[in-house]
Amino acid sequence: MSSSLQTLLELRRDAERAARVHLERAIAARVKEEAAQGRLVEAWRAARAALLRSRGQPRPLRETLALAQARARYQERLASAVTRAAAQRDAQRASALARASRAED
């Protein structure tokens, strides 16, 4: 009887140890993904701020057609960067961060 109780106790300790290790790994993964999410949000904010600054700059009175086209292309690239950064942020939030959060629970 004592031997089977000892075996059960060891099994319980092993299971608790494995659960603790699993939880620690899940927490570490979540922290990593939250840091990545923070970097993506900052990249999106920086791209958006650059676009807003570009749109708000006063234009020269005698802007040539080439300069106006260059400005428009630049603003399109900035807008594209904002869209790309937002998509990356949302995809990471929906996948990697969500998986890390579920693993922690």
N, C-alpha and C. Protein backbone atom coordinates (compact mmCIF):
# COMPACT_ATOMS: atom_id res chain seq x y z
N MET A 1 0.82 -1.19 0.00
CA MET A 1 0.00 0.00 0.00
C MET A 1 0.87 1.25 0.00
N SER A 2 1.87 1.25 0.83
CA SER A 2 2.75 2.40 0.91
C SER A 2 3.48 2.64 -0.40
N SER A 3 3.84 1.58 -1.07
CA SER A 3 4.54 1.70 -2.35
C SER A 3 3.65 2.34 -3.41
N SER A 4 2.39 1.95 -3.47
CA SER A 4 1.49 2.54 -4.47
C SER A 4 1.19 4.00 -4.13
N LEU A 5 1.09 4.33 -2.86
CA LEU A 5 0.89 5.74 -2.48
C LEU A 5 2.12 6.57 -2.82
N GLN A 6 3.28 6.00 -2.62
CA GLN A 6 4.53 6.69 -2.95
C GLN A 6 4.60 6.93 -4.46
N THR A 7 4.21 5.93 -5.23
CA THR A 7 4.21 6.05 -6.69
C THR A 7 3.24 7.14 -7.13
N LEU A 8 2.06 7.17 -6.54
CA LEU A 8 1.07 8.21 -6.88
C LEU A 8 1.60 9.60 -6.52
N LEU A 9 2.25 9.69 -5.38
CA LEU A 9 2.81 10.97 -4.96
C LEU A 9 3.89 11.44 -5.95
N GLU A 10 4.73 10.53 -6.39
CA GLU A 10 5.77 10.87 -7.37
C GLU A 10 5.14 11.28 -8.70
N LEU A 11 4.11 10.57 -9.11
CA LEU A 11 3.42 10.94 -10.35
C LEU A 11 2.82 12.34 -10.24
N ARG A 12 2.24 12.62 -9.09
CA ARG A 12 1.65 13.95 -8.89
C ARG A 12 2.72 15.02 -8.95
N ARG A 13 3.85 14.81 -8.29
CA ARG A 13 4.94 15.78 -8.31
C ARG A 13 5.47 15.99 -9.72
N ASP A 14 5.63 14.88 -10.46
CA ASP A 14 6.10 14.99 -11.84
C ASP A 14 5.11 15.78 -12.70
N ALA A 15 3.83 15.52 -12.50
CA ALA A 15 2.81 16.24 -13.27
C ALA A 15 2.80 17.72 -12.92
N GLU A 16 2.95 18.04 -11.65
CA GLU A 16 3.00 19.43 -11.23
C GLU A 16 4.24 20.12 -11.79
N ARG A 17 5.37 19.43 -11.78
CA ARG A 17 6.61 19.99 -12.32
C ARG A 17 6.46 20.24 -13.83
N ALA A 18 5.88 19.29 -14.53
CA ALA A 18 5.68 19.44 -15.99
C ALA A 18 4.72 20.59 -16.27
N ALA A 19 3.67 20.72 -15.47
CA ALA A 19 2.71 21.81 -15.65
C ALA A 19 3.38 23.16 -15.40
N ARG A 20 4.23 23.23 -14.39
CA ARG A 20 4.94 24.48 -14.08
C ARG A 20 5.86 24.87 -15.23
N VAL A 21 6.59 23.89 -15.76
CA VAL A 21 7.48 24.16 -16.90
C VAL A 21 6.68 24.63 -18.10
N HIS A 22 5.56 23.97 -18.37
CA HIS A 22 4.71 24.36 -19.50
C HIS A 22 4.18 25.78 -19.33
N LEU A 23 3.75 26.12 -18.12
CA LEU A 23 3.23 27.46 -17.86
C LEU A 23 4.33 28.51 -18.01
N GLU A 24 5.52 28.22 -17.50
CA GLU A 24 6.63 29.17 -17.64
C GLU A 24 6.98 29.41 -19.10
N ARG A 25 6.98 28.34 -19.90
CA ARG A 25 7.25 28.50 -21.33
C ARG A 25 6.16 29.31 -22.02
N ALA A 26 4.91 29.06 -21.64
CA ALA A 26 3.80 29.81 -22.22
C ALA A 26 3.88 31.29 -21.86
N ILE A 27 4.23 31.58 -20.63
CA ILE A 27 4.37 32.97 -20.20
C ILE A 27 5.50 33.64 -20.96
N ALA A 28 6.62 32.95 -21.12
CA ALA A 28 7.75 33.50 -21.87
C ALA A 28 7.36 33.77 -23.32
N ALA A 29 6.61 32.85 -23.92
CA ALA A 29 6.16 33.05 -25.31
C ALA A 29 5.24 34.25 -25.41
N ARG A 30 4.37 34.40 -24.44
CA ARG A 30 3.45 35.55 -24.47
C ARG A 30 4.20 36.87 -24.31
N VAL A 31 5.16 36.90 -23.41
CA VAL A 31 5.96 38.12 -23.22
C VAL A 31 6.68 38.47 -24.53
N LYS A 32 7.23 37.47 -25.18
CA LYS A 32 7.93 37.68 -26.46
C LYS A 32 6.97 38.23 -27.51
N GLU A 33 5.79 37.63 -27.62
CA GLU A 33 4.82 38.09 -28.62
C GLU A 33 4.27 39.47 -28.29
N GLU A 34 4.10 39.78 -27.02
CA GLU A 34 3.64 41.12 -26.65
C GLU A 34 4.71 42.16 -26.99
N ALA A 35 5.98 41.80 -26.83
CA ALA A 35 7.05 42.72 -27.22
C ALA A 35 7.04 42.94 -28.73
N ALA A 36 6.84 41.86 -29.48
CA ALA A 36 6.75 41.98 -30.94
C ALA A 36 5.56 42.85 -31.33
N GLN A 37 4.43 42.66 -30.63
CA GLN A 37 3.24 43.47 -30.90
C GLN A 37 3.54 44.94 -30.62
N GLY A 38 4.25 45.21 -29.55
CA GLY A 38 4.61 46.60 -29.24
C GLY A 38 5.48 47.21 -30.32
N ARG A 39 6.45 46.43 -30.83
CA ARG A 39 7.30 46.95 -31.92
C ARG A 39 6.48 47.22 -33.18
N LEU A 40 5.53 46.34 -33.50
CA LEU A 40 4.69 46.54 -34.68
C LEU A 40 3.80 47.77 -34.51
N VAL A 41 3.27 47.96 -33.32
CA VAL A 41 2.43 49.14 -33.08
C VAL A 41 3.27 50.41 -33.22
N GLU A 42 4.49 50.40 -32.70
CA GLU A 42 5.36 51.57 -32.83
C GLU A 42 5.72 51.83 -34.29
N ALA A 43 5.97 50.79 -35.07
CA ALA A 43 6.26 50.95 -36.49
C ALA A 43 5.06 51.56 -37.21
N TRP A 44 3.86 51.09 -36.87
CA TRP A 44 2.66 51.64 -37.47
C TRP A 44 2.49 53.11 -37.09
N ARG A 45 2.71 53.43 -35.82
CA ARG A 45 2.57 54.82 -35.38
C ARG A 45 3.58 55.73 -36.08
N ALA A 46 4.81 55.24 -36.22
CA ALA A 46 5.84 56.05 -36.89
C ALA A 46 5.48 56.28 -38.36
N ALA A 47 5.01 55.23 -39.03
CA ALA A 47 4.62 55.38 -40.44
C ALA A 47 3.45 56.33 -40.58
N ARG A 48 2.49 56.21 -39.68
CA ARG A 48 1.31 57.09 -39.73
C ARG A 48 1.72 58.54 -39.44
N ALA A 49 2.59 58.74 -38.47
CA ALA A 49 3.04 60.09 -38.15
C ALA A 49 3.79 60.71 -39.33
N ALA A 50 4.62 59.91 -40.00
CA ALA A 50 5.34 60.42 -41.18
C ALA A 50 4.37 60.80 -42.28
N LEU A 51 3.35 60.00 -42.48
CA LEU A 51 2.34 60.32 -43.49
C LEU A 51 1.60 61.60 -43.13
N LEU A 52 1.19 61.73 -41.89
CA LEU A 52 0.47 62.94 -41.48
C LEU A 52 1.35 64.19 -41.58
N ARG A 53 2.63 64.04 -41.19
CA ARG A 53 3.56 65.18 -41.34
C ARG A 53 3.71 65.57 -42.80
N SER A 54 3.84 64.57 -43.65
CA SER A 54 4.01 64.83 -45.08
C SER A 54 2.79 65.55 -45.65
N ARG A 55 1.62 65.12 -45.24
CA ARG A 55 0.40 65.76 -45.74
C ARG A 55 0.24 67.18 -45.21
N GLY A 56 0.80 67.43 -44.03
CA GLY A 56 0.62 68.74 -43.41
C GLY A 56 1.67 69.76 -43.78
N GLN A 57 2.70 69.36 -44.52
CA GLN A 57 3.76 70.31 -44.87
C GLN A 57 3.23 71.34 -45.89
N PRO A 58 3.61 72.59 -45.70
CA PRO A 58 3.18 73.60 -46.68
C PRO A 58 3.86 73.34 -48.02
N ARG A 59 3.12 73.54 -49.07
CA ARG A 59 3.66 73.33 -50.42
C ARG A 59 4.25 74.64 -50.95
N PRO A 60 5.34 74.54 -51.71
CA PRO A 60 5.89 75.75 -52.32
C PRO A 60 4.87 76.38 -53.28
N LEU A 61 4.93 77.68 -53.42
CA LEU A 61 3.98 78.35 -54.30
C LEU A 61 4.13 77.90 -55.75
N ARG A 62 5.34 77.68 -56.17
CA ARG A 62 5.58 77.30 -57.56
C ARG A 62 6.05 75.85 -57.66
N GLU A 63 5.25 74.96 -57.18
CA GLU A 63 5.61 73.55 -57.23
C GLU A 63 5.46 73.06 -58.67
N THR A 64 6.50 72.46 -59.18
CA THR A 64 6.45 71.96 -60.56
C THR A 64 5.63 70.68 -60.59
N LEU A 65 5.25 70.27 -61.77
CA LEU A 65 4.49 69.05 -61.93
C LEU A 65 5.30 67.85 -61.45
N ALA A 66 6.58 67.82 -61.79
CA ALA A 66 7.44 66.71 -61.36
C ALA A 66 7.53 66.65 -59.84
N LEU A 67 7.65 67.80 -59.21
CA LEU A 67 7.72 67.84 -57.75
C LEU A 67 6.39 67.39 -57.13
N ALA A 68 5.30 67.82 -57.72
CA ALA A 68 3.98 67.42 -57.22
C ALA A 68 3.79 65.91 -57.38
N GLN A 69 4.24 65.35 -58.50
CA GLN A 69 4.12 63.91 -58.70
C GLN A 69 5.02 63.14 -57.72
N ALA A 70 6.22 63.67 -57.51
CA ALA A 70 7.13 63.02 -56.55
C ALA A 70 6.52 63.04 -55.15
N ARG A 71 5.94 64.17 -54.78
CA ARG A 71 5.29 64.27 -53.47
C ARG A 71 4.14 63.28 -53.36
N ALA A 72 3.34 63.16 -54.41
CA ALA A 72 2.20 62.23 -54.40
C ALA A 72 2.69 60.78 -54.28
N ARG A 73 3.76 60.42 -55.01
CA ARG A 73 4.31 59.06 -54.91
C ARG A 73 4.84 58.79 -53.50
N TYR A 74 5.51 59.79 -52.93
CA TYR A 74 6.03 59.65 -51.58
C TYR A 74 4.89 59.41 -50.59
N GLN A 75 3.83 60.18 -50.72
CA GLN A 75 2.69 60.01 -49.82
C GLN A 75 2.00 58.66 -50.04
N GLU A 76 1.96 58.19 -51.28
CA GLU A 76 1.40 56.86 -51.54
C GLU A 76 2.24 55.78 -50.88
N ARG A 77 3.58 55.93 -50.94
CA ARG A 77 4.46 54.96 -50.29
C ARG A 77 4.26 54.99 -48.78
N LEU A 78 4.13 56.19 -48.22
CA LEU A 78 3.88 56.30 -46.78
C LEU A 78 2.55 55.66 -46.40
N ALA A 79 1.52 55.91 -47.20
CA ALA A 79 0.21 55.33 -46.93
C ALA A 79 0.28 53.81 -47.03
N SER A 80 1.04 53.32 -48.00
CA SER A 80 1.22 51.88 -48.15
C SER A 80 1.95 51.30 -46.95
N ALA A 81 2.95 52.03 -46.45
CA ALA A 81 3.68 51.57 -45.26
C ALA A 81 2.76 51.52 -44.04
N VAL A 82 1.88 52.49 -43.92
CA VAL A 82 0.91 52.50 -42.81
C VAL A 82 0.00 51.28 -42.92
N THR A 83 -0.50 51.01 -44.12
CA THR A 83 -1.38 49.87 -44.34
C THR A 83 -0.67 48.56 -44.05
N ARG A 84 0.57 48.43 -44.53
CA ARG A 84 1.36 47.22 -44.31
C ARG A 84 1.64 47.01 -42.82
N ALA A 85 2.01 48.08 -42.13
CA ALA A 85 2.30 47.98 -40.70
C ALA A 85 1.05 47.59 -39.92
N ALA A 86 -0.08 48.16 -40.30
CA ALA A 86 -1.34 47.81 -39.62
C ALA A 86 -1.70 46.35 -39.88
N ALA A 87 -1.50 45.88 -41.10
CA ALA A 87 -1.80 44.48 -41.43
C ALA A 87 -0.89 43.54 -40.65
N GLN A 88 0.39 43.87 -40.55
CA GLN A 88 1.32 43.03 -39.79
C GLN A 88 0.94 43.01 -38.32
N ARG A 89 0.61 44.18 -37.80
CA ARG A 89 0.21 44.28 -36.39
C ARG A 89 -1.02 43.41 -36.13
N ASP A 90 -2.03 43.53 -37.01
CA ASP A 90 -3.26 42.77 -36.83
C ASP A 90 -3.06 41.28 -37.00
N ALA A 91 -2.23 40.89 -37.97
CA ALA A 91 -1.97 39.47 -38.19
C ALA A 91 -1.23 38.86 -37.00
N GLN A 92 -0.27 39.59 -36.47
CA GLN A 92 0.48 39.09 -35.32
C GLN A 92 -0.43 39.00 -34.11
N ARG A 93 -1.29 39.98 -33.94
CA ARG A 93 -2.22 39.99 -32.81
C ARG A 93 -3.19 38.81 -32.91
N ALA A 94 -3.62 38.51 -34.14
CA ALA A 94 -4.60 37.45 -34.33
C ALA A 94 -3.98 36.06 -34.27
N SER A 95 -2.71 35.94 -34.58
CA SER A 95 -2.13 34.61 -34.63
C SER A 95 -1.17 34.34 -33.48
N ALA A 96 0.02 34.86 -33.56
CA ALA A 96 1.07 34.52 -32.60
C ALA A 96 0.72 34.95 -31.18
N LEU A 97 0.24 36.16 -31.03
CA LEU A 97 -0.10 36.64 -29.69
C LEU A 97 -1.30 35.87 -29.13
N ALA A 98 -2.26 35.57 -29.99
CA ALA A 98 -3.42 34.81 -29.55
C ALA A 98 -3.02 33.40 -29.13
N ARG A 99 -2.13 32.76 -29.91
CA ARG A 99 -1.67 31.42 -29.55
C ARG A 99 -0.94 31.43 -28.22
N ALA A 100 -0.09 32.44 -28.03
CA ALA A 100 0.66 32.54 -26.78
C ALA A 100 -0.29 32.75 -25.61
N SER A 101 -1.30 33.55 -25.82
CA SER A 101 -2.29 33.81 -24.77
C SER A 101 -3.08 32.54 -24.43
N ARG A 102 -3.48 31.80 -25.47
CA ARG A 102 -4.21 30.55 -25.23
C ARG A 102 -3.34 29.52 -24.52
N ALA A 103 -2.06 29.46 -24.89
CA ALA A 103 -1.15 28.49 -24.26
C ALA A 103 -0.97 28.81 -22.79
N GLU A 104 -1.00 30.09 -22.46
CA GLU A 104 -0.83 30.49 -21.07
C GLU A 104 -2.04 30.10 -20.23
N ASP A 105 -3.21 30.17 -20.85
CA ASP A 105 -4.43 29.81 -20.13
C ASP A 105 -4.47 28.32 -19.95
